[in-house]
Structure formats: structure tokens, C-alpha cells
Amino acid sequence: MCLKATDPEYLSRIYDGTHRPMKLDVAVAGEEEKMVDNDKKDYSPEYLSSIMKDAKVRYILHSSLDSVMSNRVIGCKTAKEIWDTLEVKCQGTTAIKKNMRTILTQEYEHFESKSDESLT
């Protein structure tokens, strides 16, 4: 709620990440052409604004975490990395979620009341 209230675009930093501008590097001595990061002097004002928004989102996320969780994401370089790390830590991976659903479904299907219990 804090991120959305501060700037609705902050949520896109979490879900989509920050786009890094790239340029085509010239082929040298038999190597193929490849994409490389732009030099800092070539950054557009829009990209610089995007970097600042990502930094603000990282700050908000770090300041809202306790010291234990903050230490787990301290090495993350983008807001998306922080968010993905927190999701895995708090909810587990997709496989773990699927296993938990299966276990809970089996527990529900095998539920039996005891003979001395009523429905109420």
C-alpha cells in the first residue's frame, strides 16, 4: 500500500524490474557483434529517472524489513531481486507451494470426526 500510495509506478519496478539500456558492440577480429550496457554518459533522462525510482523502492523495502530479513536481501541490486527473494523466503518456490496444496488437500480429504464428536 505504501508503494502504491507513494507512486503507482513503484509497483512496476517490483514486478517488471528496471530496463537496462543496451547498445550494439562492433565485431572485432572475428568475434560476433553483441549487446553491451550503455556507458553512463549515454544514459537518457528517462533511464536516470527509472534508476532513481528503483533506488527509492529498494529504500522503502529495506526500511520496512526487520534486521533478519533485511540481511537476507542486502546483496540484491534491484527492487525486483529484493521482492523475488522475499517471495521465495516467505512463500517458497512454486514446487513448494504445489506440494503444500497437495498436503492440505489430502489432510482435508482424509479428515474424520471422532465418534464422540458432533458436527457442532
PDB file of N, CA and C in Angstrom:
ATOM      1  N   MET A   1       0.832  -1.192   0.000  1.00  0.00           N
ATOM      2  CA  MET A   1       0.000   0.000   0.000  1.00  0.00           C
ATOM      3  C   MET A   1       0.875   1.254   0.000  1.00  0.00           C
ATOM      4  N   CYS A   2       1.971   1.194   0.746  1.00  0.00           N
ATOM      5  CA  CYS A   2       2.874   2.340   0.818  1.00  0.00           C
ATOM      6  C   CYS A   2       3.466   2.637  -0.557  1.00  0.00           C
ATOM      7  N   LEU A   3       3.897   1.617  -1.256  1.00  0.00           N
ATOM      8  CA  LEU A   3       4.498   1.815  -2.574  1.00  0.00           C
ATOM      9  C   LEU A   3       3.486   2.381  -3.565  1.00  0.00           C
ATOM     10  N   LYS A   4       2.292   1.827  -3.552  1.00  0.00           N
ATOM     11  CA  LYS A   4       1.263   2.279  -4.486  1.00  0.00           C
ATOM     12  C   LYS A   4       0.827   3.702  -4.171  1.00  0.00           C
ATOM     13  N   ALA A   5       0.746   4.039  -2.889  1.00  0.00           N
ATOM     14  CA  ALA A   5       0.341   5.382  -2.500  1.00  0.00           C
ATOM     15  C   ALA A   5       1.431   6.405  -2.803  1.00  0.00           C
ATOM     16  N   THR A   6       2.681   6.014  -2.696  1.00  0.00           N
ATOM     17  CA  THR A   6       3.782   6.933  -2.956  1.00  0.00           C
ATOM     18  C   THR A   6       3.884   7.241  -4.441  1.00  0.00           C
ATOM     19  N   ASP A   7       3.903   6.221  -5.249  1.00  0.00           N
ATOM     20  CA  ASP A   7       3.968   6.389  -6.705  1.00  0.00           C
ATOM     21  C   ASP A   7       3.510   5.078  -7.331  1.00  0.00           C
ATOM     22  N   PRO A   8       2.430   5.091  -8.099  1.00  0.00           N
ATOM     23  CA  PRO A   8       1.928   3.847  -8.700  1.00  0.00           C
ATOM     24  C   PRO A   8       2.966   3.134  -9.568  1.00  0.00           C
ATOM     25  N   GLU A   9       3.933   3.863 -10.096  1.00  0.00           N
ATOM     26  CA  GLU A   9       4.951   3.244 -10.937  1.00  0.00           C
ATOM     27  C   GLU A   9       5.940   2.410 -10.112  1.00  0.00           C
ATOM     28  N   TYR A  10       5.967   2.608  -8.798  1.00  0.00           N
ATOM     29  CA  TYR A  10       6.869   1.832  -7.940  1.00  0.00           C
ATOM     30  C   TYR A  10       6.563   0.344  -8.022  1.00  0.00           C
ATOM     31  N   LEU A  11       5.297   0.000  -8.135  1.00  0.00           N
ATOM     32  CA  LEU A  11       4.939  -1.421  -8.236  1.00  0.00           C
ATOM     33  C   LEU A  11       5.481  -2.043  -9.512  1.00  0.00           C
ATOM     34  N   SER A  12       5.557  -1.267 -10.578  1.00  0.00           N
ATOM     35  CA  SER A  12       6.112  -1.820 -11.818  1.00  0.00           C
ATOM     36  C   SER A  12       7.604  -2.096 -11.657  1.00  0.00           C
ATOM     37  N   ARG A  13       8.288  -1.365 -10.803  1.00  0.00           N
ATOM     38  CA  ARG A  13       9.703  -1.645 -10.514  1.00  0.00           C
ATOM     39  C   ARG A  13       9.837  -3.011  -9.855  1.00  0.00           C
ATOM     40  N   ILE A  14       8.869  -3.371  -9.028  1.00  0.00           N
ATOM     41  CA  ILE A  14       8.908  -4.664  -8.335  1.00  0.00           C
ATOM     42  C   ILE A  14       8.552  -5.798  -9.286  1.00  0.00           C
ATOM     43  N   TYR A  15       7.517  -5.615 -10.074  1.00  0.00           N
ATOM     44  CA  TYR A  15       7.041  -6.694 -10.934  1.00  0.00           C
ATOM     45  C   TYR A  15       7.844  -6.843 -12.226  1.00  0.00           C
ATOM     46  N   ASP A  16       8.238  -5.733 -12.839  1.00  0.00           N
ATOM     47  CA  ASP A  16       8.905  -5.784 -14.131  1.00  0.00           C
ATOM     48  C   ASP A  16      10.411  -5.587 -14.056  1.00  0.00           C
ATOM     49  N   GLY A  17      10.885  -4.960 -13.002  1.00  0.00           N
ATOM     50  CA  GLY A  17      12.304  -4.658 -12.896  1.00  0.00           C
ATOM     51  C   GLY A  17      12.644  -3.403 -13.682  1.00  0.00           C
ATOM     52  N   THR A  18      13.907  -3.064 -13.691  1.00  0.00           N
ATOM     53  CA  THR A  18      14.379  -1.873 -14.391  1.00  0.00           C
ATOM     54  C   THR A  18      14.992  -2.298 -15.717  1.00  0.00           C
ATOM     55  N   HIS A  19      14.578  -1.646 -16.772  1.00  0.00           N
ATOM     56  CA  HIS A  19      15.125  -1.930 -18.102  1.00  0.00           C
ATOM     57  C   HIS A  19      16.517  -1.306 -18.201  1.00  0.00           C
ATOM     58  N   ARG A  20      17.493  -2.099 -18.611  1.00  0.00           N
ATOM     59  CA  ARG A  20      18.859  -1.592 -18.787  1.00  0.00           C
ATOM     60  C   ARG A  20      19.089  -1.277 -20.258  1.00  0.00           C
ATOM     61  N   PRO A  21      19.463  -0.032 -20.577  1.00  0.00           N
ATOM     62  CA  PRO A  21      19.714   0.309 -21.983  1.00  0.00           C
ATOM     63  C   PRO A  21      20.975  -0.386 -22.488  1.00  0.00           C
ATOM     64  N   MET A  22      20.875  -0.918 -23.682  1.00  0.00           N
ATOM     65  CA  MET A  22      21.984  -1.653 -24.281  1.00  0.00           C
ATOM     66  C   MET A  22      22.333  -1.028 -25.625  1.00  0.00           C
ATOM     67  N   LYS A  23      23.538  -1.289 -26.078  1.00  0.00           N
ATOM     68  CA  LYS A  23      23.944  -0.857 -27.411  1.00  0.00           C
ATOM     69  C   LYS A  23      24.661  -2.012 -28.089  1.00  0.00           C
ATOM     70  N   LEU A  24      24.725  -1.954 -29.402  1.00  0.00           N
ATOM     71  CA  LEU A  24      25.371  -2.996 -30.194  1.00  0.00           C
ATOM     72  C   LEU A  24      26.873  -2.723 -30.224  1.00  0.00           C
ATOM     73  N   ASP A  25      27.647  -3.696 -29.772  1.00  0.00           N
ATOM     74  CA  ASP A  25      29.107  -3.570 -29.776  1.00  0.00           C
ATOM     75  C   ASP A  25      29.624  -4.070 -31.125  1.00  0.00           C
ATOM     76  N   VAL A  26      30.564  -3.366 -31.678  1.00  0.00           N
ATOM     77  CA  VAL A  26      31.092  -3.696 -33.005  1.00  0.00           C
ATOM     78  C   VAL A  26      31.925  -4.978 -32.928  1.00  0.00           C
ATOM     79  N   ALA A  27      31.825  -5.777 -33.985  1.00  0.00           N
ATOM     80  CA  ALA A  27      32.598  -7.024 -34.047  1.00  0.00           C
ATOM     81  C   ALA A  27      34.075  -6.699 -34.215  1.00  0.00           C
ATOM     82  N   VAL A  28      34.922  -7.417 -33.470  1.00  0.00           N
ATOM     83  CA  VAL A  28      36.371  -7.190 -33.533  1.00  0.00           C
ATOM     84  C   VAL A  28      37.066  -8.519 -33.787  1.00  0.00           C
ATOM     85  N   ALA A  29      37.941  -8.573 -34.761  1.00  0.00           N
ATOM     86  CA  ALA A  29      38.816  -9.716 -35.041  1.00  0.00           C
ATOM     87  C   ALA A  29      38.096 -11.063 -34.991  1.00  0.00           C
ATOM     88  N   GLY A  30      37.069 -11.210 -35.800  1.00  0.00           N
ATOM     89  CA  GLY A  30      36.407 -12.497 -35.906  1.00  0.00           C
ATOM     90  C   GLY A  30      35.323 -12.755 -34.864  1.00  0.00           C
ATOM     91  N   GLU A  31      35.166 -11.901 -33.889  1.00  0.00           N
ATOM     92  CA  GLU A  31      34.095 -12.067 -32.903  1.00  0.00           C
ATOM     93  C   GLU A  31      32.784 -11.563 -33.489  1.00  0.00           C
ATOM     94  N   GLU A  32      31.694 -12.059 -32.960  1.00  0.00           N
ATOM     95  CA  GLU A  32      30.387 -11.599 -33.424  1.00  0.00           C
ATOM     96  C   GLU A  32      30.001 -10.310 -32.716  1.00  0.00           C
ATOM     97  N   GLU A  33      29.073  -9.574 -33.321  1.00  0.00           N
ATOM     98  CA  GLU A  33      28.543  -8.396 -32.660  1.00  0.00           C
ATOM     99  C   GLU A  33      27.726  -8.843 -31.461  1.00  0.00           C
ATOM    100  N   LYS A  34      27.746  -8.060 -30.391  1.00  0.00           N
ATOM    101  CA  LYS A  34      26.988  -8.429 -29.200  1.00  0.00           C
ATOM    102  C   LYS A  34      26.444  -7.171 -28.533  1.00  0.00           C
ATOM    103  N   MET A  35      25.452  -7.376 -27.706  1.00  0.00           N
ATOM    104  CA  MET A  35      24.840  -6.273 -26.979  1.00  0.00           C
ATOM    105  C   MET A  35      25.595  -6.077 -25.657  1.00  0.00           C
ATOM    106  N   VAL A  36      25.921  -4.825 -25.343  1.00  0.00           N
ATOM    107  CA  VAL A  36      26.593  -4.480 -24.090  1.00  0.00           C
ATOM    108  C   VAL A  36      25.861  -3.307 -23.456  1.00  0.00           C
ATOM    109  N   ASP A  37      26.094  -3.099 -22.156  1.00  0.00           N
ATOM    110  CA  ASP A  37      25.477  -1.972 -21.458  1.00  0.00           C
ATOM    111  C   ASP A  37      25.954  -0.651 -22.037  1.00  0.00           C
ATOM    112  N   ASN A  38      25.057   0.328 -22.037  1.00  0.00           N
ATOM    113  CA  ASN A  38      25.442   1.685 -22.429  1.00  0.00           C
ATOM    114  C   ASN A  38      26.421   2.264 -21.415  1.00  0.00           C
ATOM    115  N   ASP A  39      27.237   3.198 -21.878  1.00  0.00           N
ATOM    116  CA  ASP A  39      28.086   3.930 -20.949  1.00  0.00           C
ATOM    117  C   ASP A  39      27.209   4.874 -20.134  1.00  0.00           C
ATOM    118  N   LYS A  40      27.659   5.210 -18.923  1.00  0.00           N
ATOM    119  CA  LYS A  40      26.862   6.086 -18.061  1.00  0.00           C
ATOM    120  C   LYS A  40      26.606   7.440 -18.707  1.00  0.00           C
ATOM    121  N   LYS A  41      27.544   7.924 -19.500  1.00  0.00           N
ATOM    122  CA  LYS A  41      27.363   9.227 -20.154  1.00  0.00           C
ATOM    123  C   LYS A  41      26.262   9.183 -21.218  1.00  0.00           C
ATOM    124  N   ASP A  42      25.896   7.980 -21.685  1.00  0.00           N
ATOM    125  CA  ASP A  42      24.867   7.828 -22.715  1.00  0.00           C
ATOM    126  C   ASP A  42      23.474   7.565 -22.145  1.00  0.00           C
ATOM    127  N   TYR A  43      23.341   7.543 -20.807  1.00  0.00           N
ATOM    128  CA  TYR A  43      22.038   7.280 -20.202  1.00  0.00           C
ATOM    129  C   TYR A  43      21.066   8.417 -20.509  1.00  0.00           C
ATOM    130  N   SER A  44      19.850   8.054 -20.850  1.00  0.00           N
ATOM    131  CA  SER A  44      18.820   9.051 -21.124  1.00  0.00           C
ATOM    132  C   SER A  44      18.239   9.565 -19.802  1.00  0.00           C
ATOM    133  N   PRO A  45      17.607  10.722 -19.812  1.00  0.00           N
ATOM    134  CA  PRO A  45      16.969  11.227 -18.587  1.00  0.00           C
ATOM    135  C   PRO A  45      15.885  10.285 -18.062  1.00  0.00           C
ATOM    136  N   GLU A  46      15.190   9.598 -18.975  1.00  0.00           N
ATOM    137  CA  GLU A  46      14.152   8.645 -18.560  1.00  0.00           C
ATOM    138  C   GLU A  46      14.773   7.477 -17.802  1.00  0.00           C
ATOM    139  N   TYR A  47      15.914   6.989 -18.296  1.00  0.00           N
ATOM    140  CA  TYR A  47      16.568   5.875 -17.619  1.00  0.00           C
ATOM    141  C   TYR A  47      17.113   6.312 -16.261  1.00  0.00           C
ATOM    142  N   LEU A  48      17.669   7.510 -16.179  1.00  0.00           N
ATOM    143  CA  LEU A  48      18.154   8.017 -14.890  1.00  0.00           C
ATOM    144  C   LEU A  48      17.009   8.143 -13.888  1.00  0.00           C
ATOM    145  N   SER A  49      15.838   8.574 -14.364  1.00  0.00           N
ATOM    146  CA  SER A  49      14.650   8.650 -13.509  1.00  0.00           C
ATOM    147  C   SER A  49      14.236   7.259 -13.046  1.00  0.00           C
ATOM    148  N   SER A  50      14.321   6.282 -13.955  1.00  0.00           N
ATOM    149  CA  SER A  50      13.990   4.901 -13.620  1.00  0.00           C
ATOM    150  C   SER A  50      14.940   4.344 -12.558  1.00  0.00           C
ATOM    151  N   ILE A  51      16.217   4.672 -12.655  1.00  0.00           N
ATOM    152  CA  ILE A  51      17.198   4.231 -11.662  1.00  0.00           C
ATOM    153  C   ILE A  51      16.867   4.827 -10.300  1.00  0.00           C
ATOM    154  N   MET A  52      16.487   6.093 -10.271  1.00  0.00           N
ATOM    155  CA  MET A  52      16.138   6.750  -9.008  1.00  0.00           C
ATOM    156  C   MET A  52      14.900   6.119  -8.382  1.00  0.00           C
ATOM    157  N   LYS A  53      13.911   5.791  -9.211  1.00  0.00           N
ATOM    158  CA  LYS A  53      12.697   5.155  -8.682  1.00  0.00           C
ATOM    159  C   LYS A  53      13.029   3.792  -8.102  1.00  0.00           C
ATOM    160  N   ASP A  54      13.882   3.039  -8.777  1.00  0.00           N
ATOM    161  CA  ASP A  54      14.283   1.729  -8.262  1.00  0.00           C
ATOM    162  C   ASP A  54      15.003   1.885  -6.926  1.00  0.00           C
ATOM    163  N   ALA A  55      15.856   2.885  -6.811  1.00  0.00           N
ATOM    164  CA  ALA A  55      16.574   3.129  -5.559  1.00  0.00           C
ATOM    165  C   ALA A  55      15.608   3.488  -4.440  1.00  0.00           C
ATOM    166  N   LYS A  56      14.585   4.273  -4.742  1.00  0.00           N
ATOM    167  CA  LYS A  56      13.591   4.647  -3.728  1.00  0.00           C
ATOM    168  C   LYS A  56      12.797   3.425  -3.265  1.00  0.00           C
ATOM    169  N   VAL A  57      12.432   2.560  -4.216  1.00  0.00           N
ATOM    170  CA  VAL A  57      11.690   1.345  -3.862  1.00  0.00           C
ATOM    171  C   VAL A  57      12.565   0.434  -3.000  1.00  0.00           C
ATOM    172  N   ARG A  58      13.846   0.296  -3.363  1.00  0.00           N
ATOM    173  CA  ARG A  58      14.754  -0.516  -2.535  1.00  0.00           C
ATOM    174  C   ARG A  58      14.846   0.049  -1.126  1.00  0.00           C
ATOM    175  N   TYR A  59      14.923   1.373  -1.012  1.00  0.00           N
ATOM    176  CA  TYR A  59      14.987   2.016   0.298  1.00  0.00           C
ATOM    177  C   TYR A  59      13.725   1.722   1.111  1.00  0.00           C
ATOM    178  N   ILE A  60      12.559   1.864   0.490  1.00  0.00           N
ATOM    179  CA  ILE A  60      11.293   1.598   1.188  1.00  0.00           C
ATOM    180  C   ILE A  60      11.233   0.146   1.637  1.00  0.00           C
ATOM    181  N   LEU A  61      11.622  -0.780   0.759  1.00  0.00           N
ATOM    182  CA  LEU A  61      11.595  -2.200   1.122  1.00  0.00           C
ATOM    183  C   LEU A  61      12.562  -2.493   2.265  1.00  0.00           C
ATOM    184  N   HIS A  62      13.782  -1.983   2.180  1.00  0.00           N
ATOM    185  CA  HIS A  62      14.764  -2.234   3.248  1.00  0.00           C
ATOM    186  C   HIS A  62      14.312  -1.637   4.574  1.00  0.00           C
ATOM    187  N   SER A  63      13.755  -0.454   4.541  1.00  0.00           N
ATOM    188  CA  SER A  63      13.360   0.182   5.795  1.00  0.00           C
ATOM    189  C   SER A  63      12.117  -0.449   6.408  1.00  0.00           C
ATOM    190  N   SER A  64      11.353  -1.197   5.620  1.00  0.00           N
ATOM    191  CA  SER A  64      10.167  -1.853   6.162  1.00  0.00           C
ATOM    192  C   SER A  64      10.443  -3.266   6.677  1.00  0.00           C
ATOM    193  N   LEU A  65      11.662  -3.759   6.491  1.00  0.00           N
ATOM    194  CA  LEU A  65      12.016  -5.107   6.935  1.00  0.00           C
ATOM    195  C   LEU A  65      12.722  -5.070   8.287  1.00  0.00           C
ATOM    196  N   ASP A  66      12.578  -6.155   9.042  1.00  0.00           N
ATOM    197  CA  ASP A  66      13.356  -6.256  10.273  1.00  0.00           C
ATOM    198  C   ASP A  66      14.798  -6.606   9.913  1.00  0.00           C
ATOM    199  N   SER A  67      15.674  -6.605  10.898  1.00  0.00           N
ATOM    200  CA  SER A  67      17.107  -6.777  10.617  1.00  0.00           C
ATOM    201  C   SER A  67      17.421  -8.154  10.027  1.00  0.00           C
ATOM    202  N   VAL A  68      16.706  -9.191  10.441  1.00  0.00           N
ATOM    203  CA  VAL A  68      16.976 -10.541   9.924  1.00  0.00           C
ATOM    204  C   VAL A  68      16.623 -10.621   8.440  1.00  0.00           C
ATOM    205  N   MET A  69      15.440 -10.157   8.081  1.00  0.00           N
ATOM    206  CA  MET A  69      15.022 -10.206   6.678  1.00  0.00           C
ATOM    207  C   MET A  69      15.841  -9.235   5.830  1.00  0.00           C
ATOM    208  N   SER A  70      16.187  -8.097   6.401  1.00  0.00           N
ATOM    209  CA  SER A  70      16.990  -7.125   5.673  1.00  0.00           C
ATOM    210  C   SER A  70      18.361  -7.698   5.325  1.00  0.00           C
ATOM    211  N   ASN A  71      18.936  -8.476   6.243  1.00  0.00           N
ATOM    212  CA  ASN A  71      20.232  -9.106   5.976  1.00  0.00           C
ATOM    213  C   ASN A  71      20.142 -10.134   4.852  1.00  0.00           C
ATOM    214  N   ARG A  72      18.980 -10.733   4.664  1.00  0.00           N
ATOM    215  CA  ARG A  72      18.818 -11.740   3.607  1.00  0.00           C
ATOM    216  C   ARG A  72      18.769 -11.119   2.217  1.00  0.00           C
ATOM    217  N   VAL A  73      18.373  -9.858   2.142  1.00  0.00           N
ATOM    218  CA  VAL A  73      18.234  -9.214   0.831  1.00  0.00           C
ATOM    219  C   VAL A  73      19.260  -8.099   0.624  1.00  0.00           C
ATOM    220  N   ILE A  74      20.212  -7.968   1.519  1.00  0.00           N
ATOM    221  CA  ILE A  74      21.168  -6.867   1.453  1.00  0.00           C
ATOM    222  C   ILE A  74      22.003  -6.910   0.171  1.00  0.00           C
ATOM    223  N   GLY A  75      22.247  -8.077  -0.378  1.00  0.00           N
ATOM    224  CA  GLY A  75      23.062  -8.204  -1.584  1.00  0.00           C
ATOM    225  C   GLY A  75      22.306  -7.992  -2.884  1.00  0.00           C
ATOM    226  N   CYS A  76      20.985  -7.860  -2.812  1.00  0.00           N
ATOM    227  CA  CYS A  76      20.182  -7.675  -4.027  1.00  0.00           C
ATOM    228  C   CYS A  76      20.430  -6.296  -4.621  1.00  0.00           C
ATOM    229  N   LYS A  77      20.535  -6.241  -5.935  1.00  0.00           N
ATOM    230  CA  LYS A  77      20.886  -4.995  -6.611  1.00  0.00           C
ATOM    231  C   LYS A  77      19.683  -4.203  -7.119  1.00  0.00           C
ATOM    232  N   THR A  78      18.533  -4.862  -7.267  1.00  0.00           N
ATOM    233  CA  THR A  78      17.341  -4.159  -7.745  1.00  0.00           C
ATOM    234  C   THR A  78      16.158  -4.465  -6.839  1.00  0.00           C
ATOM    235  N   ALA A  79      15.123  -3.636  -6.969  1.00  0.00           N
ATOM    236  CA  ALA A  79      13.911  -3.848  -6.181  1.00  0.00           C
ATOM    237  C   ALA A  79      13.254  -5.177  -6.560  1.00  0.00           C
ATOM    238  N   LYS A  80      13.313  -5.537  -7.824  1.00  0.00           N
ATOM    239  CA  LYS A  80      12.732  -6.817  -8.265  1.00  0.00           C
ATOM    240  C   LYS A  80      13.451  -7.989  -7.616  1.00  0.00           C
ATOM    241  N   GLU A  81      14.781  -7.935  -7.538  1.00  0.00           N
ATOM    242  CA  GLU A  81      15.543  -9.002  -6.878  1.00  0.00           C
ATOM    243  C   GLU A  81      15.147  -9.115  -5.412  1.00  0.00           C
ATOM    244  N   ILE A  82      15.002  -7.984  -4.740  1.00  0.00           N
ATOM    245  CA  ILE A  82      14.588  -7.991  -3.329  1.00  0.00           C
ATOM    246  C   ILE A  82      13.225  -8.644  -3.193  1.00  0.00           C
ATOM    247  N   TRP A  83      12.282  -8.228  -4.039  1.00  0.00           N
ATOM    248  CA  TRP A  83      10.923  -8.753  -3.965  1.00  0.00           C
ATOM    249  C   TRP A  83      10.893 -10.262  -4.250  1.00  0.00           C
ATOM    250  N   ASP A  84      11.605 -10.686  -5.283  1.00  0.00           N
ATOM    251  CA  ASP A  84      11.640 -12.117  -5.617  1.00  0.00           C
ATOM    252  C   ASP A  84      12.253 -12.933  -4.483  1.00  0.00           C
ATOM    253  N   THR A  85      13.314 -12.419  -3.863  1.00  0.00           N
ATOM    254  CA  THR A  85      13.941 -13.109  -2.742  1.00  0.00           C
ATOM    255  C   THR A  85      12.980 -13.220  -1.570  1.00  0.00           C
ATOM    256  N   LEU A  86      12.259 -12.142  -1.284  1.00  0.00           N
ATOM    257  CA  LEU A  86      11.285 -12.167  -0.183  1.00  0.00           C
ATOM    258  C   LEU A  86      10.137 -13.137  -0.472  1.00  0.00           C
ATOM    259  N   GLU A  87       9.687 -13.167  -1.721  1.00  0.00           N
ATOM    260  CA  GLU A  87       8.616 -14.098  -2.091  1.00  0.00           C
ATOM    261  C   GLU A  87       9.038 -15.541  -1.857  1.00  0.00           C
ATOM    262  N   VAL A  88      10.235 -15.892  -2.294  1.00  0.00           N
ATOM    263  CA  VAL A  88      10.718 -17.269  -2.121  1.00  0.00           C
ATOM    264  C   VAL A  88      10.895 -17.576  -0.639  1.00  0.00           C
ATOM    265  N   LYS A  89      11.429 -16.630   0.114  1.00  0.00           N
ATOM    266  CA  LYS A  89      11.670 -16.849   1.538  1.00  0.00           C
ATOM    267  C   LYS A  89      10.358 -17.014   2.303  1.00  0.00           C
ATOM    268  N   CYS A  90       9.375 -16.177   1.994  1.00  0.00           N
ATOM    269  CA  CYS A  90       8.125 -16.185   2.751  1.00  0.00           C
ATOM    270  C   CYS A  90       7.112 -17.207   2.243  1.00  0.00           C
ATOM    271  N   GLN A  91       7.056 -17.414   0.945  1.00  0.00           N
ATOM    272  CA  GLN A  91       6.052 -18.308   0.377  1.00  0.00           C
ATOM    273  C   GLN A  91       6.635 -19.606  -0.147  1.00  0.00           C
ATOM    274  N   GLY A  92       7.903 -19.638  -0.441  1.00  0.00           N
ATOM    275  CA  GLY A  92       8.519 -20.819  -1.022  1.00  0.00           C
ATOM    276  C   GLY A  92       8.477 -20.770  -2.537  1.00  0.00           C
ATOM    277  N   THR A  93       9.137 -21.715  -3.146  1.00  0.00           N
ATOM    278  CA  THR A  93       9.148 -21.785  -4.599  1.00  0.00           C
ATOM    279  C   THR A  93       7.816 -22.345  -5.092  1.00  0.00           C
ATOM    280  N   THR A  94       7.620 -22.337  -6.383  1.00  0.00           N
ATOM    281  CA  THR A  94       6.384 -22.847  -6.971  1.00  0.00           C
ATOM    282  C   THR A  94       6.182 -24.316  -6.619  1.00  0.00           C
ATOM    283  N   ALA A  95       7.250 -25.090  -6.621  1.00  0.00           N
ATOM    284  CA  ALA A  95       7.147 -26.516  -6.290  1.00  0.00           C
ATOM    285  C   ALA A  95       6.724 -26.701  -4.837  1.00  0.00           C
ATOM    286  N   ILE A  96       7.267 -25.889  -3.948  1.00  0.00           N
ATOM    287  CA  ILE A  96       6.906 -25.992  -2.533  1.00  0.00           C
ATOM    288  C   ILE A  96       5.438 -25.624  -2.335  1.00  0.00           C
ATOM    289  N   LYS A  97       4.973 -24.566  -3.014  1.00  0.00           N
ATOM    290  CA  LYS A  97       3.563 -24.173  -2.921  1.00  0.00           C
ATOM    291  C   LYS A  97       2.656 -25.302  -3.398  1.00  0.00           C
ATOM    292  N   LYS A  98       3.037 -25.942  -4.511  1.00  0.00           N
ATOM    293  CA  LYS A  98       2.229 -27.033  -5.066  1.00  0.00           C
ATOM    294  C   LYS A  98       2.186 -28.201  -4.081  1.00  0.00           C
ATOM    295  N   ASN A  99       3.328 -28.539  -3.484  1.00  0.00           N
ATOM    296  CA  ASN A  99       3.367 -29.620  -2.500  1.00  0.00           C
ATOM    297  C   ASN A  99       2.508 -29.299  -1.285  1.00  0.00           C
ATOM    298  N   MET A 100       2.559 -28.053  -0.817  1.00  0.00           N
ATOM    299  CA  MET A 100       1.739 -27.667   0.337  1.00  0.00           C
ATOM    300  C   MET A 100       0.257 -27.784   0.016  1.00  0.00           C
ATOM    301  N   ARG A 101      -0.146 -27.366  -1.189  1.00  0.00           N
ATOM    302  CA  ARG A 101      -1.548 -27.502  -1.588  1.00  0.00           C
ATOM    303  C   ARG A 101      -1.967 -28.969  -1.601  1.00  0.00           C
ATOM    304  N   THR A 102      -1.101 -29.825  -2.110  1.00  0.00           N
ATOM    305  CA  THR A 102      -1.394 -31.257  -2.160  1.00  0.00           C
ATOM    306  C   THR A 102      -1.538 -31.822  -0.754  1.00  0.00           C
ATOM    307  N   ILE A 103      -0.635 -31.463   0.126  1.00  0.00           N
ATOM    308  CA  ILE A 103      -0.686 -31.957   1.509  1.00  0.00           C
ATOM    309  C   ILE A 103      -1.968 -31.488   2.194  1.00  0.00           C
ATOM    310  N   LEU A 104      -2.309 -30.218   2.044  1.00  0.00           N
ATOM    311  CA  LEU A 104      -3.520 -29.698   2.679  1.00  0.00           C
ATOM    312  C   LEU A 104      -4.778 -30.335   2.098  1.00  0.00           C
ATOM    313  N   THR A 105      -4.781 -30.577   0.795  1.00  0.00           N
ATOM    314  CA  THR A 105      -5.927 -31.249   0.174  1.00  0.00           C
ATOM    315  C   THR A 105      -6.078 -32.668   0.707  1.00  0.00           C
ATOM    316  N   GLN A 106      -4.968 -33.373   0.842  1.00  0.00           N
ATOM    317  CA  GLN A 106      -5.018 -34.740   1.382  1.00  0.00           C
ATOM    318  C   GLN A 106      -5.492 -34.746   2.834  1.00  0.00           C
ATOM    319  N   GLU A 107      -5.021 -33.793   3.625  1.00  0.00           N
ATOM    320  CA  GLU A 107      -5.477 -33.708   5.013  1.00  0.00           C
ATOM    321  C   GLU A 107      -6.981 -33.467   5.067  1.00  0.00           C
ATOM    322  N   TYR A 108      -7.484 -32.595   4.190  1.00  0.00           N
ATOM    323  CA  TYR A 108      -8.904 -32.299   4.151  1.00  0.00           C
ATOM    324  C   TYR A 108      -9.706 -33.528   3.728  1.00  0.00           C
ATOM    325  N   GLU A 109      -9.237 -34.229   2.709  1.00  0.00           N
ATOM    326  CA  GLU A 109      -9.963 -35.394   2.203  1.00  0.00           C
ATOM    327  C   GLU A 109      -9.968 -36.548   3.193  1.00  0.00           C
ATOM    328  N   HIS A 110      -8.947 -36.640   4.025  1.00  0.00           N
ATOM    329  CA  HIS A 110      -8.855 -37.735   4.984  1.00  0.00           C
ATOM    330  C   HIS A 110      -9.336 -37.345   6.381  1.00  0.00           C
ATOM    331  N   PHE A 111      -9.966 -36.195   6.494  1.00  0.00           N
ATOM    332  CA  PHE A 111     -10.455 -35.749   7.789  1.00  0.00           C
ATOM    333  C   PHE A 111     -11.631 -36.608   8.227  1.00  0.00           C
ATOM    334  N   GLU A 112     -11.575 -37.071   9.452  1.00  0.00           N
ATOM    335  CA  GLU A 112     -12.669 -37.853  10.028  1.00  0.00           C
ATOM    336  C   GLU A 112     -12.932 -37.340  11.433  1.00  0.00           C
ATOM    337  N   SER A 113     -14.195 -37.226  11.749  1.00  0.00           N
ATOM    338  CA  SER A 113     -14.527 -36.813  13.115  1.00  0.00           C
ATOM    339  C   SER A 113     -14.472 -38.050  14.029  1.00  0.00           C
ATOM    340  N   LYS A 114     -14.220 -37.800  15.278  1.00  0.00           N
ATOM    341  CA  LYS A 114     -14.178 -38.904  16.237  1.00  0.00           C
ATOM    342  C   LYS A 114     -15.590 -39.291  16.610  1.00  0.00           C
ATOM    343  N   SER A 115     -15.762 -40.481  17.144  1.00  0.00           N
ATOM    344  CA  SER A 115     -17.106 -40.988  17.443  1.00  0.00           C
ATOM    345  C   SER A 115     -17.808 -40.154  18.509  1.00  0.00           C
ATOM    346  N   ASP A 116     -17.067 -39.532  19.401  1.00  0.00           N
ATOM    347  CA  ASP A 116     -17.715 -38.744  20.466  1.00  0.00           C
ATOM    348  C   ASP A 116     -17.872 -37.266  20.098  1.00  0.00           C
ATOM    349  N   GLU A 117     -17.547 -36.889  18.861  1.00  0.00           N
ATOM    350  CA  GLU A 117     -17.682 -35.501  18.417  1.00  0.00           C
ATOM    351  C   GLU A 117     -18.969 -35.318  17.605  1.00  0.00           C
ATOM    352  N   SER A 118     -19.589 -34.161  17.779  1.00  0.00           N
ATOM    353  CA  SER A 118     -20.768 -33.846  16.954  1.00  0.00           C
ATOM    354  C   SER A 118     -20.339 -32.835  15.895  1.00  0.00           C
ATOM    355  N   LEU A 119     -21.227 -32.540  14.966  1.00  0.00           N
ATOM    356  CA  LEU A 119     -20.910 -31.595  13.911  1.00  0.00           C
ATOM    357  C   LEU A 119     -20.769 -30.165  14.435  1.00  0.00           C
ATOM    358  N   THR A 120     -21.432 -29.877  15.541  1.00  0.00           N
ATOM    359  CA  THR A 120     -21.337 -28.517  16.082  1.00  0.00           C
ATOM    360  C   THR A 120     -20.103 -28.391  16.943  1.00  0.00           C
TER     361      THR A 120
END
